[in-house]
Amino acid sequence: MFSLQAGAYVLMAMNRIRQMHAQPAPISVTQMSNNPYVVKLLRKAIDGGAFKIYGHWVKRSENQNRAALFEIDIKRDIKLSTSR
């Protein structure tokens, strides 16, 4: 049947396949510097750091939340409610 060495190679290959599935693909520094929001972990780190710095500007009301800190444009319904 199998030798001990062949069995060890099979186990190492199975372990490698499991690790490849669990770990994300490597990303280059140039790709991260061009578009850092592609990587979910980096995006969460950037957003978390920005909220720690600028979180005091976000008020807890019904027309402003944590997402308001990261919005580029003001939502249309908020513009309409403030212009009345």
N, C-alpha and C. Protein backbone atom coordinates (compact mmCIF):
# COMPACT_ATOMS: atom_id res chain seq x y z
N MET A 1 0.84 -1.18 0.00
CA MET A 1 0.00 0.00 0.00
C MET A 1 0.89 1.25 0.00
N PHE A 2 0.70 2.08 1.00
CA PHE A 2 1.49 3.32 1.11
C PHE A 2 2.66 3.12 2.03
N SER A 3 3.70 3.80 1.74
CA SER A 3 4.81 3.81 2.69
C SER A 3 4.57 4.95 3.67
N LEU A 4 5.34 4.96 4.70
CA LEU A 4 5.21 6.00 5.71
C LEU A 4 5.52 7.37 5.13
N GLN A 5 6.48 7.44 4.25
CA GLN A 5 6.85 8.71 3.62
C GLN A 5 5.73 9.23 2.73
N ALA A 6 5.08 8.35 1.97
CA ALA A 6 3.97 8.76 1.11
C ALA A 6 2.80 9.26 1.95
N GLY A 7 2.54 8.58 3.08
CA GLY A 7 1.47 9.02 3.97
C GLY A 7 1.76 10.40 4.56
N ALA A 8 3.02 10.65 4.88
CA ALA A 8 3.39 11.96 5.41
C ALA A 8 3.20 13.04 4.36
N TYR A 9 3.55 12.74 3.11
CA TYR A 9 3.35 13.72 2.04
C TYR A 9 1.87 14.00 1.81
N VAL A 10 1.04 12.97 1.92
CA VAL A 10 -0.41 13.18 1.76
C VAL A 10 -0.93 14.08 2.88
N LEU A 11 -0.51 13.83 4.11
CA LEU A 11 -0.96 14.67 5.22
C LEU A 11 -0.47 16.11 5.07
N MET A 12 0.79 16.29 4.63
CA MET A 12 1.30 17.65 4.43
C MET A 12 0.54 18.36 3.31
N ALA A 13 0.18 17.64 2.25
CA ALA A 13 -0.58 18.25 1.16
C ALA A 13 -1.98 18.64 1.63
N MET A 14 -2.61 17.78 2.41
CA MET A 14 -3.95 18.11 2.93
C MET A 14 -3.89 19.34 3.84
N ASN A 15 -2.87 19.41 4.66
CA ASN A 15 -2.70 20.57 5.54
C ASN A 15 -2.47 21.84 4.73
N ARG A 16 -1.68 21.76 3.68
CA ARG A 16 -1.41 22.92 2.81
C ARG A 16 -2.70 23.39 2.13
N ILE A 17 -3.51 22.47 1.67
CA ILE A 17 -4.78 22.83 1.02
C ILE A 17 -5.71 23.52 2.01
N ARG A 18 -5.77 23.03 3.24
CA ARG A 18 -6.60 23.69 4.26
C ARG A 18 -6.11 25.10 4.55
N GLN A 19 -4.80 25.28 4.64
CA GLN A 19 -4.24 26.60 4.91
C GLN A 19 -4.50 27.55 3.76
N MET A 20 -4.41 27.07 2.53
CA MET A 20 -4.66 27.93 1.37
C MET A 20 -6.11 28.40 1.35
N HIS A 21 -7.01 27.55 1.79
CA HIS A 21 -8.42 27.92 1.82
C HIS A 21 -8.71 28.96 2.90
N ALA A 22 -8.04 28.83 4.05
CA ALA A 22 -8.32 29.72 5.18
C ALA A 22 -7.63 31.08 5.05
N GLN A 23 -6.49 31.14 4.39
CA GLN A 23 -5.74 32.39 4.30
C GLN A 23 -6.06 33.12 3.01
N PRO A 24 -6.21 34.44 3.07
CA PRO A 24 -6.45 35.19 1.83
C PRO A 24 -5.21 35.23 0.94
N ALA A 25 -5.43 35.54 -0.31
CA ALA A 25 -4.32 35.63 -1.26
C ALA A 25 -3.44 36.83 -0.91
N PRO A 26 -2.14 36.74 -1.13
CA PRO A 26 -1.26 37.87 -0.83
C PRO A 26 -1.55 39.06 -1.76
N ILE A 27 -1.40 40.25 -1.20
CA ILE A 27 -1.69 41.48 -1.94
C ILE A 27 -0.44 42.35 -1.92
N SER A 28 -0.10 42.91 -3.06
CA SER A 28 1.11 43.72 -3.15
C SER A 28 0.90 45.10 -2.52
N VAL A 29 2.00 45.72 -2.18
CA VAL A 29 1.96 47.05 -1.58
C VAL A 29 1.44 48.08 -2.57
N THR A 30 1.79 47.92 -3.85
CA THR A 30 1.31 48.88 -4.86
C THR A 30 -0.20 48.78 -5.02
N GLN A 31 -0.75 47.57 -4.94
CA GLN A 31 -2.20 47.43 -5.05
C GLN A 31 -2.89 48.06 -3.85
N MET A 32 -2.32 47.90 -2.66
CA MET A 32 -2.92 48.51 -1.47
C MET A 32 -2.79 50.02 -1.50
N SER A 33 -1.70 50.55 -2.05
CA SER A 33 -1.55 52.00 -2.09
C SER A 33 -2.45 52.62 -3.15
N ASN A 34 -2.76 51.89 -4.22
CA ASN A 34 -3.65 52.41 -5.26
C ASN A 34 -5.12 52.37 -4.82
N ASN A 35 -5.55 51.28 -4.21
CA ASN A 35 -6.94 51.14 -3.80
C ASN A 35 -7.00 50.34 -2.49
N PRO A 36 -6.85 50.99 -1.33
CA PRO A 36 -6.81 50.25 -0.06
C PRO A 36 -8.16 49.67 0.35
N TYR A 37 -9.25 50.15 -0.21
CA TYR A 37 -10.55 49.67 0.21
C TYR A 37 -10.93 48.34 -0.42
N VAL A 38 -10.08 47.77 -1.26
CA VAL A 38 -10.34 46.46 -1.84
C VAL A 38 -10.17 45.38 -0.77
N VAL A 39 -9.22 45.56 0.14
CA VAL A 39 -8.92 44.57 1.17
C VAL A 39 -9.82 44.86 2.38
N LYS A 40 -10.63 43.88 2.76
CA LYS A 40 -11.60 44.09 3.82
C LYS A 40 -10.93 44.40 5.17
N LEU A 41 -9.88 43.68 5.53
CA LEU A 41 -9.22 43.94 6.81
C LEU A 41 -8.59 45.33 6.85
N LEU A 42 -7.99 45.74 5.74
CA LEU A 42 -7.41 47.08 5.69
C LEU A 42 -8.50 48.15 5.73
N ARG A 43 -9.61 47.90 5.05
CA ARG A 43 -10.74 48.83 5.07
C ARG A 43 -11.27 49.00 6.48
N LYS A 44 -11.41 47.90 7.22
CA LYS A 44 -11.90 47.98 8.60
C LYS A 44 -10.91 48.73 9.49
N ALA A 45 -9.62 48.53 9.27
CA ALA A 45 -8.61 49.23 10.06
C ALA A 45 -8.65 50.73 9.78
N ILE A 46 -8.80 51.10 8.51
CA ILE A 46 -8.86 52.53 8.16
C ILE A 46 -10.11 53.17 8.74
N ASP A 47 -11.25 52.52 8.59
CA ASP A 47 -12.51 53.07 9.10
C ASP A 47 -12.51 53.15 10.62
N GLY A 48 -11.97 52.12 11.28
CA GLY A 48 -11.90 52.14 12.74
C GLY A 48 -11.01 53.25 13.25
N GLY A 49 -9.87 53.44 12.60
CA GLY A 49 -8.97 54.53 13.00
C GLY A 49 -9.58 55.89 12.76
N ALA A 50 -10.26 56.05 11.63
CA ALA A 50 -10.90 57.33 11.33
C ALA A 50 -12.02 57.61 12.32
N PHE A 51 -12.76 56.58 12.71
CA PHE A 51 -13.85 56.82 13.66
C PHE A 51 -13.30 57.15 15.04
N LYS A 52 -12.17 56.56 15.42
CA LYS A 52 -11.57 56.91 16.71
C LYS A 52 -11.13 58.37 16.73
N ILE A 53 -10.63 58.85 15.60
CA ILE A 53 -10.16 60.23 15.53
C ILE A 53 -11.32 61.22 15.41
N TYR A 54 -12.25 60.94 14.50
CA TYR A 54 -13.32 61.90 14.19
C TYR A 54 -14.68 61.51 14.74
N GLY A 55 -14.75 60.51 15.60
CA GLY A 55 -16.03 60.02 16.11
C GLY A 55 -16.79 61.05 16.93
N HIS A 56 -16.11 62.00 17.53
CA HIS A 56 -16.79 63.01 18.34
C HIS A 56 -17.62 63.97 17.49
N TRP A 57 -17.40 63.99 16.18
CA TRP A 57 -18.20 64.84 15.30
C TRP A 57 -19.54 64.22 14.95
N VAL A 58 -19.66 62.93 15.12
CA VAL A 58 -20.90 62.23 14.77
C VAL A 58 -21.82 62.27 15.97
N LYS A 59 -22.98 62.86 15.79
CA LYS A 59 -23.95 62.96 16.87
C LYS A 59 -24.92 61.79 16.79
N ARG A 60 -25.44 61.40 17.92
CA ARG A 60 -26.38 60.28 17.95
C ARG A 60 -27.81 60.82 17.80
N SER A 61 -28.19 61.06 16.58
CA SER A 61 -29.55 61.50 16.30
C SER A 61 -30.08 60.65 15.16
N GLU A 62 -31.34 60.87 14.79
CA GLU A 62 -31.93 60.02 13.76
C GLU A 62 -31.44 60.36 12.36
N ASN A 63 -30.91 61.53 12.13
CA ASN A 63 -30.44 61.87 10.78
C ASN A 63 -28.92 61.86 10.65
N GLN A 64 -28.22 61.31 11.64
CA GLN A 64 -26.77 61.19 11.52
C GLN A 64 -26.32 59.96 12.30
N ASN A 65 -25.46 59.17 11.69
CA ASN A 65 -24.95 57.97 12.34
C ASN A 65 -23.48 57.79 11.96
N ARG A 66 -22.92 56.64 12.30
CA ARG A 66 -21.50 56.39 12.02
C ARG A 66 -21.21 56.41 10.52
N ALA A 67 -22.15 55.96 9.71
CA ALA A 67 -21.95 55.95 8.26
C ALA A 67 -21.84 57.37 7.70
N ALA A 68 -22.41 58.34 8.40
CA ALA A 68 -22.34 59.72 7.93
C ALA A 68 -20.90 60.24 7.90
N LEU A 69 -20.05 59.68 8.74
CA LEU A 69 -18.66 60.09 8.77
C LEU A 69 -17.94 59.71 7.49
N PHE A 70 -18.37 58.63 6.84
CA PHE A 70 -17.68 58.11 5.67
C PHE A 70 -18.40 58.44 4.36
N GLU A 71 -19.50 59.15 4.42
CA GLU A 71 -20.23 59.50 3.20
C GLU A 71 -19.55 60.68 2.50
N ILE A 72 -19.54 60.63 1.19
CA ILE A 72 -18.97 61.72 0.42
C ILE A 72 -20.01 62.80 0.18
N ASP A 73 -21.21 62.39 -0.19
CA ASP A 73 -22.30 63.33 -0.45
C ASP A 73 -23.37 63.17 0.63
N ILE A 74 -24.05 64.25 0.94
CA ILE A 74 -25.16 64.20 1.88
C ILE A 74 -26.32 63.48 1.21
N LYS A 75 -26.99 62.64 1.97
CA LYS A 75 -28.13 61.90 1.41
C LYS A 75 -29.24 62.87 1.00
N ARG A 76 -29.98 62.48 -0.03
CA ARG A 76 -31.01 63.33 -0.60
C ARG A 76 -32.12 63.62 0.40
N ASP A 77 -32.55 62.63 1.18
CA ASP A 77 -33.65 62.87 2.13
C ASP A 77 -33.21 63.79 3.28
N ILE A 78 -31.95 63.77 3.64
CA ILE A 78 -31.47 64.68 4.68
C ILE A 78 -31.41 66.10 4.13
N LYS A 79 -31.01 66.25 2.86
CA LYS A 79 -31.00 67.58 2.24
C LYS A 79 -32.40 68.16 2.19
N LEU A 80 -33.38 67.32 1.82
CA LEU A 80 -34.75 67.80 1.72
C LEU A 80 -35.32 68.19 3.08
N SER A 81 -35.00 67.42 4.13
CA SER A 81 -35.55 67.73 5.45
C SER A 81 -34.93 69.00 6.04
N THR A 82 -33.68 69.30 5.71
CA THR A 82 -33.06 70.51 6.25
C THR A 82 -33.41 71.76 5.45
N SER A 83 -33.82 71.59 4.19
CA SER A 83 -34.12 72.75 3.37
C SER A 83 -35.54 73.26 3.59
N ARG A 84 -36.38 72.51 4.28
CA ARG A 84 -37.77 72.93 4.51
C ARG A 84 -37.91 73.92 5.61
